[in-house]
Amino acid sequence: MRNDKEYNGWTNWETWNVALWVDNDYETYKEKQRYVRTRHFRESFEDLVESFCNKRYPNGTPDMDNSSEMRKVNYEEIANAWKEDYNE
């Protein structure tokens, strides 16, 4: 069982793992870009990120033991990282 301690600069392993899968799989990364561009920010950015990640990985990432690990993801932290990407 994993603990909730910080992992590689992220809140926890689960947050790091989701961010890693999204940004290091080319097709998912491109899908993320299209998804964010077409949403026009009608919902909060954090909700948009959470929705994207849960649609892409409904059973958790391939590295996760089960889908319940997705509940530990800090979507606000991922949203902030995505905002930085789009502001560059």
PDB file of N, CA and C in Angstrom:
ATOM      1  N   MET A   1       0.847  -1.199   0.000  1.00  0.00           N
ATOM      2  CA  MET A   1       0.000   0.000   0.000  1.00  0.00           C
ATOM      3  C   MET A   1       0.879   1.243   0.000  1.00  0.00           C
ATOM      4  N   ARG A   2       0.506   2.199  -0.818  1.00  0.00           N
ATOM      5  CA  ARG A   2       1.264   3.444  -0.904  1.00  0.00           C
ATOM      6  C   ARG A   2       0.794   4.413   0.163  1.00  0.00           C
ATOM      7  N   ASN A   3       1.695   5.292   0.554  1.00  0.00           N
ATOM      8  CA  ASN A   3       1.278   6.318   1.520  1.00  0.00           C
ATOM      9  C   ASN A   3       0.996   7.619   0.777  1.00  0.00           C
ATOM     10  N   ASP A   4       0.538   8.609   1.499  1.00  0.00           N
ATOM     11  CA  ASP A   4       0.147   9.875   0.886  1.00  0.00           C
ATOM     12  C   ASP A   4       1.257  10.918   0.940  1.00  0.00           C
ATOM     13  N   LYS A   5       2.500  10.490   1.144  1.00  0.00           N
ATOM     14  CA  LYS A   5       3.606  11.430   1.223  1.00  0.00           C
ATOM     15  C   LYS A   5       3.949  11.966  -0.163  1.00  0.00           C
ATOM     16  N   GLU A   6       4.555  13.143  -0.161  1.00  0.00           N
ATOM     17  CA  GLU A   6       4.968  13.772  -1.411  1.00  0.00           C
ATOM     18  C   GLU A   6       5.820  12.805  -2.236  1.00  0.00           C
ATOM     19  N   TYR A   7       5.649  12.900  -3.551  1.00  0.00           N
ATOM     20  CA  TYR A   7       6.364  11.999  -4.452  1.00  0.00           C
ATOM     21  C   TYR A   7       6.871  12.774  -5.665  1.00  0.00           C
ATOM     22  N   ASN A   8       8.164  12.795  -5.856  1.00  0.00           N
ATOM     23  CA  ASN A   8       8.797  13.473  -7.000  1.00  0.00           C
ATOM     24  C   ASN A   8       8.280  14.898  -7.208  1.00  0.00           C
ATOM     25  N   GLY A   9       8.078  15.619  -6.119  1.00  0.00           N
ATOM     26  CA  GLY A   9       7.635  17.009  -6.203  1.00  0.00           C
ATOM     27  C   GLY A   9       6.128  17.193  -6.303  1.00  0.00           C
ATOM     28  N   TRP A  10       5.374  16.103  -6.349  1.00  0.00           N
ATOM     29  CA  TRP A  10       3.913  16.164  -6.412  1.00  0.00           C
ATOM     30  C   TRP A  10       3.344  15.798  -5.043  1.00  0.00           C
ATOM     31  N   THR A  11       2.071  16.079  -4.838  1.00  0.00           N
ATOM     32  CA  THR A  11       1.404  15.816  -3.568  1.00  0.00           C
ATOM     33  C   THR A  11       1.588  14.377  -3.104  1.00  0.00           C
ATOM     34  N   ASN A  12       1.436  13.434  -4.033  1.00  0.00           N
ATOM     35  CA  ASN A  12       1.548  12.011  -3.712  1.00  0.00           C
ATOM     36  C   ASN A  12       1.833  11.221  -4.991  1.00  0.00           C
ATOM     37  N   TRP A  13       2.037   9.937  -4.829  1.00  0.00           N
ATOM     38  CA  TRP A  13       2.344   9.073  -5.964  1.00  0.00           C
ATOM     39  C   TRP A  13       1.234   9.096  -7.003  1.00  0.00           C
ATOM     40  N   GLU A  14      -0.011   9.058  -6.569  1.00  0.00           N
ATOM     41  CA  GLU A  14      -1.148   9.002  -7.487  1.00  0.00           C
ATOM     42  C   GLU A  14      -1.206  10.233  -8.393  1.00  0.00           C
ATOM     43  N   THR A  15      -0.979  11.409  -7.810  1.00  0.00           N
ATOM     44  CA  THR A  15      -0.986  12.646  -8.589  1.00  0.00           C
ATOM     45  C   THR A  15       0.157  12.635  -9.600  1.00  0.00           C
ATOM     46  N   TRP A  16       1.340  12.275  -9.136  1.00  0.00           N
ATOM     47  CA  TRP A  16       2.501  12.178 -10.028  1.00  0.00           C
ATOM     48  C   TRP A  16       2.238  11.192 -11.156  1.00  0.00           C
ATOM     49  N   ASN A  17       1.657  10.048 -10.833  1.00  0.00           N
ATOM     50  CA  ASN A  17       1.442   8.994 -11.815  1.00  0.00           C
ATOM     51  C   ASN A  17       0.469   9.431 -12.904  1.00  0.00           C
ATOM     52  N   VAL A  18      -0.629  10.063 -12.534  1.00  0.00           N
ATOM     53  CA  VAL A  18      -1.599  10.532 -13.525  1.00  0.00           C
ATOM     54  C   VAL A  18      -0.963  11.608 -14.407  1.00  0.00           C
ATOM     55  N   ALA A  19      -0.274  12.563 -13.796  1.00  0.00           N
ATOM     56  CA  ALA A  19       0.388  13.620 -14.566  1.00  0.00           C
ATOM     57  C   ALA A  19       1.413  13.019 -15.531  1.00  0.00           C
ATOM     58  N   LEU A  20       2.132  12.027 -15.073  1.00  0.00           N
ATOM     59  CA  LEU A  20       3.129  11.362 -15.910  1.00  0.00           C
ATOM     60  C   LEU A  20       2.488  10.681 -17.114  1.00  0.00           C
ATOM     61  N   TRP A  21       1.427   9.922 -16.874  1.00  0.00           N
ATOM     62  CA  TRP A  21       0.751   9.218 -17.974  1.00  0.00           C
ATOM     63  C   TRP A  21       0.173  10.195 -18.989  1.00  0.00           C
ATOM     64  N   VAL A  22      -0.437  11.266 -18.515  1.00  0.00           N
ATOM     65  CA  VAL A  22      -1.054  12.224 -19.431  1.00  0.00           C
ATOM     66  C   VAL A  22       0.001  12.894 -20.307  1.00  0.00           C
ATOM     67  N   ASP A  23       1.098  13.314 -19.697  1.00  0.00           N
ATOM     68  CA  ASP A  23       2.075  14.091 -20.450  1.00  0.00           C
ATOM     69  C   ASP A  23       3.131  13.265 -21.173  1.00  0.00           C
ATOM     70  N   ASN A  24       3.252  11.998 -20.867  1.00  0.00           N
ATOM     71  CA  ASN A  24       4.294  11.191 -21.492  1.00  0.00           C
ATOM     72  C   ASN A  24       3.781  10.174 -22.498  1.00  0.00           C
ATOM     73  N   ASP A  25       2.488  10.118 -22.667  1.00  0.00           N
ATOM     74  CA  ASP A  25       1.912   9.307 -23.732  1.00  0.00           C
ATOM     75  C   ASP A  25       1.455  10.292 -24.808  1.00  0.00           C
ATOM     76  N   TYR A  26       2.076  10.227 -25.982  1.00  0.00           N
ATOM     77  CA  TYR A  26       1.843  11.242 -27.013  1.00  0.00           C
ATOM     78  C   TYR A  26       0.369  11.403 -27.366  1.00  0.00           C
ATOM     79  N   GLU A  27      -0.322  10.315 -27.586  1.00  0.00           N
ATOM     80  CA  GLU A  27      -1.740  10.398 -27.963  1.00  0.00           C
ATOM     81  C   GLU A  27      -2.577  11.030 -26.849  1.00  0.00           C
ATOM     82  N   THR A  28      -2.290  10.672 -25.606  1.00  0.00           N
ATOM     83  CA  THR A  28      -3.029  11.258 -24.483  1.00  0.00           C
ATOM     84  C   THR A  28      -2.704  12.739 -24.348  1.00  0.00           C
ATOM     85  N   TYR A  29      -1.447  13.092 -24.534  1.00  0.00           N
ATOM     86  CA  TYR A  29      -1.041  14.491 -24.474  1.00  0.00           C
ATOM     87  C   TYR A  29      -1.768  15.322 -25.528  1.00  0.00           C
ATOM     88  N   LYS A  30      -1.816  14.814 -26.758  1.00  0.00           N
ATOM     89  CA  LYS A  30      -2.530  15.518 -27.818  1.00  0.00           C
ATOM     90  C   LYS A  30      -4.030  15.600 -27.506  1.00  0.00           C
ATOM     91  N   GLU A  31      -4.583  14.535 -26.967  1.00  0.00           N
ATOM     92  CA  GLU A  31      -5.995  14.530 -26.571  1.00  0.00           C
ATOM     93  C   GLU A  31      -6.228  15.582 -25.492  1.00  0.00           C
ATOM     94  N   LYS A  32      -5.309  15.687 -24.543  1.00  0.00           N
ATOM     95  CA  LYS A  32      -5.411  16.702 -23.485  1.00  0.00           C
ATOM     96  C   LYS A  32      -5.456  18.089 -24.098  1.00  0.00           C
ATOM     97  N   GLN A  33      -4.583  18.373 -25.039  1.00  0.00           N
ATOM     98  CA  GLN A  33      -4.556  19.684 -25.681  1.00  0.00           C
ATOM     99  C   GLN A  33      -5.876  19.991 -26.380  1.00  0.00           C
ATOM    100  N   ARG A  34      -6.399  19.021 -27.137  1.00  0.00           N
ATOM    101  CA  ARG A  34      -7.688  19.224 -27.819  1.00  0.00           C
ATOM    102  C   ARG A  34      -8.815  19.414 -26.805  1.00  0.00           C
ATOM    103  N   TYR A  35      -8.815  18.616 -25.784  1.00  0.00           N
ATOM    104  CA  TYR A  35      -9.859  18.657 -24.758  1.00  0.00           C
ATOM    105  C   TYR A  35      -9.907  20.028 -24.093  1.00  0.00           C
ATOM    106  N   VAL A  36      -8.758  20.513 -23.692  1.00  0.00           N
ATOM    107  CA  VAL A  36      -8.706  21.811 -23.012  1.00  0.00           C
ATOM    108  C   VAL A  36      -9.122  22.932 -23.955  1.00  0.00           C
ATOM    109  N   ARG A  37      -8.661  22.879 -25.193  1.00  0.00           N
ATOM    110  CA  ARG A  37      -9.002  23.933 -26.166  1.00  0.00           C
ATOM    111  C   ARG A  37     -10.495  23.992 -26.464  1.00  0.00           C
ATOM    112  N   THR A  38     -11.175  22.861 -26.481  1.00  0.00           N
ATOM    113  CA  THR A  38     -12.585  22.839 -26.880  1.00  0.00           C
ATOM    114  C   THR A  38     -13.557  23.077 -25.732  1.00  0.00           C
ATOM    115  N   ARG A  39     -13.082  23.139 -24.532  1.00  0.00           N
ATOM    116  CA  ARG A  39     -13.986  23.287 -23.394  1.00  0.00           C
ATOM    117  C   ARG A  39     -14.317  24.731 -23.072  1.00  0.00           C
ATOM    118  N   HIS A  40     -13.529  25.667 -23.542  1.00  0.00           N
ATOM    119  CA  HIS A  40     -13.796  27.098 -23.358  1.00  0.00           C
ATOM    120  C   HIS A  40     -13.997  27.485 -21.892  1.00  0.00           C
ATOM    121  N   PHE A  41     -13.523  26.651 -20.999  1.00  0.00           N
ATOM    122  CA  PHE A  41     -13.499  26.957 -19.570  1.00  0.00           C
ATOM    123  C   PHE A  41     -14.866  27.331 -18.994  1.00  0.00           C
ATOM    124  N   ARG A  42     -15.894  26.633 -19.445  1.00  0.00           N
ATOM    125  CA  ARG A  42     -17.238  26.853 -18.893  1.00  0.00           C
ATOM    126  C   ARG A  42     -17.346  26.297 -17.480  1.00  0.00           C
ATOM    127  N   GLU A  43     -16.510  25.335 -17.168  1.00  0.00           N
ATOM    128  CA  GLU A  43     -16.455  24.797 -15.814  1.00  0.00           C
ATOM    129  C   GLU A  43     -15.114  25.197 -15.227  1.00  0.00           C
ATOM    130  N   SER A  44     -14.943  24.990 -13.942  1.00  0.00           N
ATOM    131  CA  SER A  44     -13.659  25.358 -13.356  1.00  0.00           C
ATOM    132  C   SER A  44     -12.564  24.508 -13.992  1.00  0.00           C
ATOM    133  N   PHE A  45     -11.381  25.065 -14.067  1.00  0.00           N
ATOM    134  CA  PHE A  45     -10.280  24.355 -14.709  1.00  0.00           C
ATOM    135  C   PHE A  45      -9.962  23.062 -13.966  1.00  0.00           C
ATOM    136  N   GLU A  46     -10.021  23.098 -12.650  1.00  0.00           N
ATOM    137  CA  GLU A  46      -9.779  21.882 -11.864  1.00  0.00           C
ATOM    138  C   GLU A  46     -10.803  20.800 -12.210  1.00  0.00           C
ATOM    139  N   ASP A  47     -12.069  21.171 -12.337  1.00  0.00           N
ATOM    140  CA  ASP A  47     -13.103  20.200 -12.716  1.00  0.00           C
ATOM    141  C   ASP A  47     -12.850  19.646 -14.121  1.00  0.00           C
ATOM    142  N   LEU A  48     -12.386  20.502 -15.011  1.00  0.00           N
ATOM    143  CA  LEU A  48     -12.070  20.079 -16.370  1.00  0.00           C
ATOM    144  C   LEU A  48     -10.951  19.031 -16.353  1.00  0.00           C
ATOM    145  N   VAL A  49      -9.911  19.282 -15.579  1.00  0.00           N
ATOM    146  CA  VAL A  49      -8.789  18.347 -15.467  1.00  0.00           C
ATOM    147  C   VAL A  49      -9.251  17.027 -14.868  1.00  0.00           C
ATOM    148  N   GLU A  50     -10.034  17.103 -13.804  1.00  0.00           N
ATOM    149  CA  GLU A  50     -10.527  15.878 -13.174  1.00  0.00           C
ATOM    150  C   GLU A  50     -11.389  15.074 -14.139  1.00  0.00           C
ATOM    151  N   SER A  51     -12.263  15.749 -14.866  1.00  0.00           N
ATOM    152  CA  SER A  51     -13.120  15.077 -15.828  1.00  0.00           C
ATOM    153  C   SER A  51     -12.285  14.392 -16.910  1.00  0.00           C
ATOM    154  N   PHE A  52     -11.303  15.099 -17.446  1.00  0.00           N
ATOM    155  CA  PHE A  52     -10.442  14.531 -18.482  1.00  0.00           C
ATOM    156  C   PHE A  52      -9.730  13.277 -17.967  1.00  0.00           C
ATOM    157  N   CYS A  53      -9.114  13.393 -16.803  1.00  0.00           N
ATOM    158  CA  CYS A  53      -8.332  12.272 -16.258  1.00  0.00           C
ATOM    159  C   CYS A  53      -9.221  11.070 -15.957  1.00  0.00           C
ATOM    160  N   ASN A  54     -10.401  11.309 -15.428  1.00  0.00           N
ATOM    161  CA  ASN A  54     -11.293  10.194 -15.107  1.00  0.00           C
ATOM    162  C   ASN A  54     -11.899   9.556 -16.353  1.00  0.00           C
ATOM    163  N   LYS A  55     -12.094  10.335 -17.400  1.00  0.00           N
ATOM    164  CA  LYS A  55     -12.563   9.756 -18.665  1.00  0.00           C
ATOM    165  C   LYS A  55     -11.461   8.951 -19.327  1.00  0.00           C
ATOM    166  N   ARG A  56     -10.239   9.464 -19.246  1.00  0.00           N
ATOM    167  CA  ARG A  56      -9.101   8.787 -19.880  1.00  0.00           C
ATOM    168  C   ARG A  56      -8.703   7.530 -19.110  1.00  0.00           C
ATOM    169  N   TYR A  57      -8.791   7.580 -17.799  1.00  0.00           N
ATOM    170  CA  TYR A  57      -8.375   6.463 -16.945  1.00  0.00           C
ATOM    171  C   TYR A  57      -9.502   6.087 -15.973  1.00  0.00           C
ATOM    172  N   PRO A  58     -10.611   5.589 -16.470  1.00  0.00           N
ATOM    173  CA  PRO A  58     -11.740   5.281 -15.583  1.00  0.00           C
ATOM    174  C   PRO A  58     -11.427   4.183 -14.556  1.00  0.00           C
ATOM    175  N   ASN A  59     -10.472   3.353 -14.854  1.00  0.00           N
ATOM    176  CA  ASN A  59     -10.069   2.289 -13.923  1.00  0.00           C
ATOM    177  C   ASN A  59      -8.706   2.554 -13.314  1.00  0.00           C
ATOM    178  N   GLY A  60      -8.253   3.791 -13.393  1.00  0.00           N
ATOM    179  CA  GLY A  60      -6.919   4.151 -12.927  1.00  0.00           C
ATOM    180  C   GLY A  60      -5.917   3.977 -14.052  1.00  0.00           C
ATOM    181  N   THR A  61      -4.728   4.521 -13.874  1.00  0.00           N
ATOM    182  CA  THR A  61      -3.687   4.370 -14.890  1.00  0.00           C
ATOM    183  C   THR A  61      -3.230   2.908 -14.909  1.00  0.00           C
ATOM    184  N   PRO A  62      -2.527   2.507 -15.949  1.00  0.00           N
ATOM    185  CA  PRO A  62      -2.025   1.126 -15.994  1.00  0.00           C
ATOM    186  C   PRO A  62      -1.122   0.762 -14.812  1.00  0.00           C
ATOM    187  N   ASP A  63      -0.526   1.758 -14.160  1.00  0.00           N
ATOM    188  CA  ASP A  63       0.337   1.492 -13.003  1.00  0.00           C
ATOM    189  C   ASP A  63      -0.424   1.352 -11.686  1.00  0.00           C
ATOM    190  N   MET A  64      -1.673   1.738 -11.662  1.00  0.00           N
ATOM    191  CA  MET A  64      -2.433   1.713 -10.413  1.00  0.00           C
ATOM    192  C   MET A  64      -2.986   0.328 -10.125  1.00  0.00           C
ATOM    193  N   ASP A  65      -3.103   0.041  -8.837  1.00  0.00           N
ATOM    194  CA  ASP A  65      -3.637  -1.247  -8.408  1.00  0.00           C
ATOM    195  C   ASP A  65      -5.139  -1.346  -8.644  1.00  0.00           C
ATOM    196  N   ASN A  66      -5.852  -0.215  -8.478  1.00  0.00           N
ATOM    197  CA  ASN A  66      -7.298  -0.197  -8.704  1.00  0.00           C
ATOM    198  C   ASN A  66      -7.782   1.238  -8.881  1.00  0.00           C
ATOM    199  N   SER A  67      -9.013   1.362  -9.302  1.00  0.00           N
ATOM    200  CA  SER A  67      -9.553   2.683  -9.628  1.00  0.00           C
ATOM    201  C   SER A  67      -9.707   3.590  -8.407  1.00  0.00           C
ATOM    202  N   SER A  68      -9.751   3.034  -7.225  1.00  0.00           N
ATOM    203  CA  SER A  68      -9.918   3.873  -6.035  1.00  0.00           C
ATOM    204  C   SER A  68      -8.721   4.797  -5.822  1.00  0.00           C
ATOM    205  N   GLU A  69      -7.588   4.473  -6.418  1.00  0.00           N
ATOM    206  CA  GLU A  69      -6.424   5.339  -6.274  1.00  0.00           C
ATOM    207  C   GLU A  69      -6.638   6.689  -6.966  1.00  0.00           C
ATOM    208  N   MET A  70      -7.549   6.738  -7.932  1.00  0.00           N
ATOM    209  CA  MET A  70      -7.841   8.003  -8.610  1.00  0.00           C
ATOM    210  C   MET A  70      -8.432   9.033  -7.637  1.00  0.00           C
ATOM    211  N   ARG A  71      -9.053   8.573  -6.564  1.00  0.00           N
ATOM    212  CA  ARG A  71      -9.625   9.503  -5.572  1.00  0.00           C
ATOM    213  C   ARG A  71      -8.545  10.249  -4.798  1.00  0.00           C
ATOM    214  N   LYS A  72      -7.312   9.741  -4.818  1.00  0.00           N
ATOM    215  CA  LYS A  72      -6.217  10.383  -4.089  1.00  0.00           C
ATOM    216  C   LYS A  72      -5.507  11.450  -4.920  1.00  0.00           C
ATOM    217  N   VAL A  73      -5.846  11.546  -6.196  1.00  0.00           N
ATOM    218  CA  VAL A  73      -5.176  12.483  -7.091  1.00  0.00           C
ATOM    219  C   VAL A  73      -5.541  13.917  -6.715  1.00  0.00           C
ATOM    220  N   ASN A  74      -4.540  14.773  -6.668  1.00  0.00           N
ATOM    221  CA  ASN A  74      -4.742  16.196  -6.403  1.00  0.00           C
ATOM    222  C   ASN A  74      -4.935  16.892  -7.756  1.00  0.00           C
ATOM    223  N   TYR A  75      -6.175  17.009  -8.174  1.00  0.00           N
ATOM    224  CA  TYR A  75      -6.476  17.588  -9.487  1.00  0.00           C
ATOM    225  C   TYR A  75      -6.159  19.075  -9.545  1.00  0.00           C
ATOM    226  N   GLU A  76      -6.238  19.750  -8.431  1.00  0.00           N
ATOM    227  CA  GLU A  76      -5.877  21.171  -8.398  1.00  0.00           C
ATOM    228  C   GLU A  76      -4.396  21.337  -8.758  1.00  0.00           C
ATOM    229  N   GLU A  77      -3.571  20.460  -8.243  1.00  0.00           N
ATOM    230  CA  GLU A  77      -2.142  20.534  -8.538  1.00  0.00           C
ATOM    231  C   GLU A  77      -1.871  20.270 -10.026  1.00  0.00           C
ATOM    232  N   ILE A  78      -2.539  19.272 -10.590  1.00  0.00           N
ATOM    233  CA  ILE A  78      -2.382  18.989 -12.018  1.00  0.00           C
ATOM    234  C   ILE A  78      -2.911  20.169 -12.828  1.00  0.00           C
ATOM    235  N   ALA A  79      -4.048  20.735 -12.436  1.00  0.00           N
ATOM    236  CA  ALA A  79      -4.612  21.889 -13.139  1.00  0.00           C
ATOM    237  C   ALA A  79      -3.624  23.047 -13.142  1.00  0.00           C
ATOM    238  N   ASN A  80      -2.977  23.289 -12.027  1.00  0.00           N
ATOM    239  CA  ASN A  80      -1.989  24.377 -11.959  1.00  0.00           C
ATOM    240  C   ASN A  80      -0.814  24.106 -12.894  1.00  0.00           C
ATOM    241  N   ALA A  81      -0.388  22.859 -12.977  1.00  0.00           N
ATOM    242  CA  ALA A  81       0.703  22.501 -13.893  1.00  0.00           C
ATOM    243  C   ALA A  81       0.268  22.709 -15.344  1.00  0.00           C
ATOM    244  N   TRP A  82      -0.966  22.333 -15.657  1.00  0.00           N
ATOM    245  CA  TRP A  82      -1.473  22.522 -17.019  1.00  0.00           C
ATOM    246  C   TRP A  82      -1.557  23.999 -17.361  1.00  0.00           C
ATOM    247  N   LYS A  83      -2.001  24.806 -16.401  1.00  0.00           N
ATOM    248  CA  LYS A  83      -2.086  26.259 -16.632  1.00  0.00           C
ATOM    249  C   LYS A  83      -0.705  26.809 -16.958  1.00  0.00           C
ATOM    250  N   GLU A  84       0.305  26.366 -16.233  1.00  0.00           N
ATOM    251  CA  GLU A  84       1.669  26.812 -16.510  1.00  0.00           C
ATOM    252  C   GLU A  84       2.079  26.427 -17.928  1.00  0.00           C
ATOM    253  N   ASP A  85       1.717  25.223 -18.356  1.00  0.00           N
ATOM    254  CA  ASP A  85       2.034  24.775 -19.712  1.00  0.00           C
ATOM    255  C   ASP A  85       1.418  25.691 -20.758  1.00  0.00           C
ATOM    256  N   TYR A  86       0.193  26.121 -20.520  1.00  0.00           N
ATOM    257  CA  TYR A  86      -0.529  26.919 -21.519  1.00  0.00           C
ATOM    258  C   TYR A  86      -0.181  28.394 -21.456  1.00  0.00           C
ATOM    259  N   ASN A  87       0.479  28.806 -20.395  1.00  0.00           N
ATOM    260  CA  ASN A  87       0.887  30.212 -20.276  1.00  0.00           C
ATOM    261  C   ASN A  87       2.289  30.447 -20.820  1.00  0.00           C
ATOM    262  N   GLU A  88       2.985  29.383 -21.190  1.00  0.00           N
ATOM    263  CA  GLU A  88       4.349  29.536 -21.716  1.00  0.00           C
ATOM    264  C   GLU A  88       4.340  29.923 -23.163  1.00  0.00           C
TER     265      GLU A  88
END
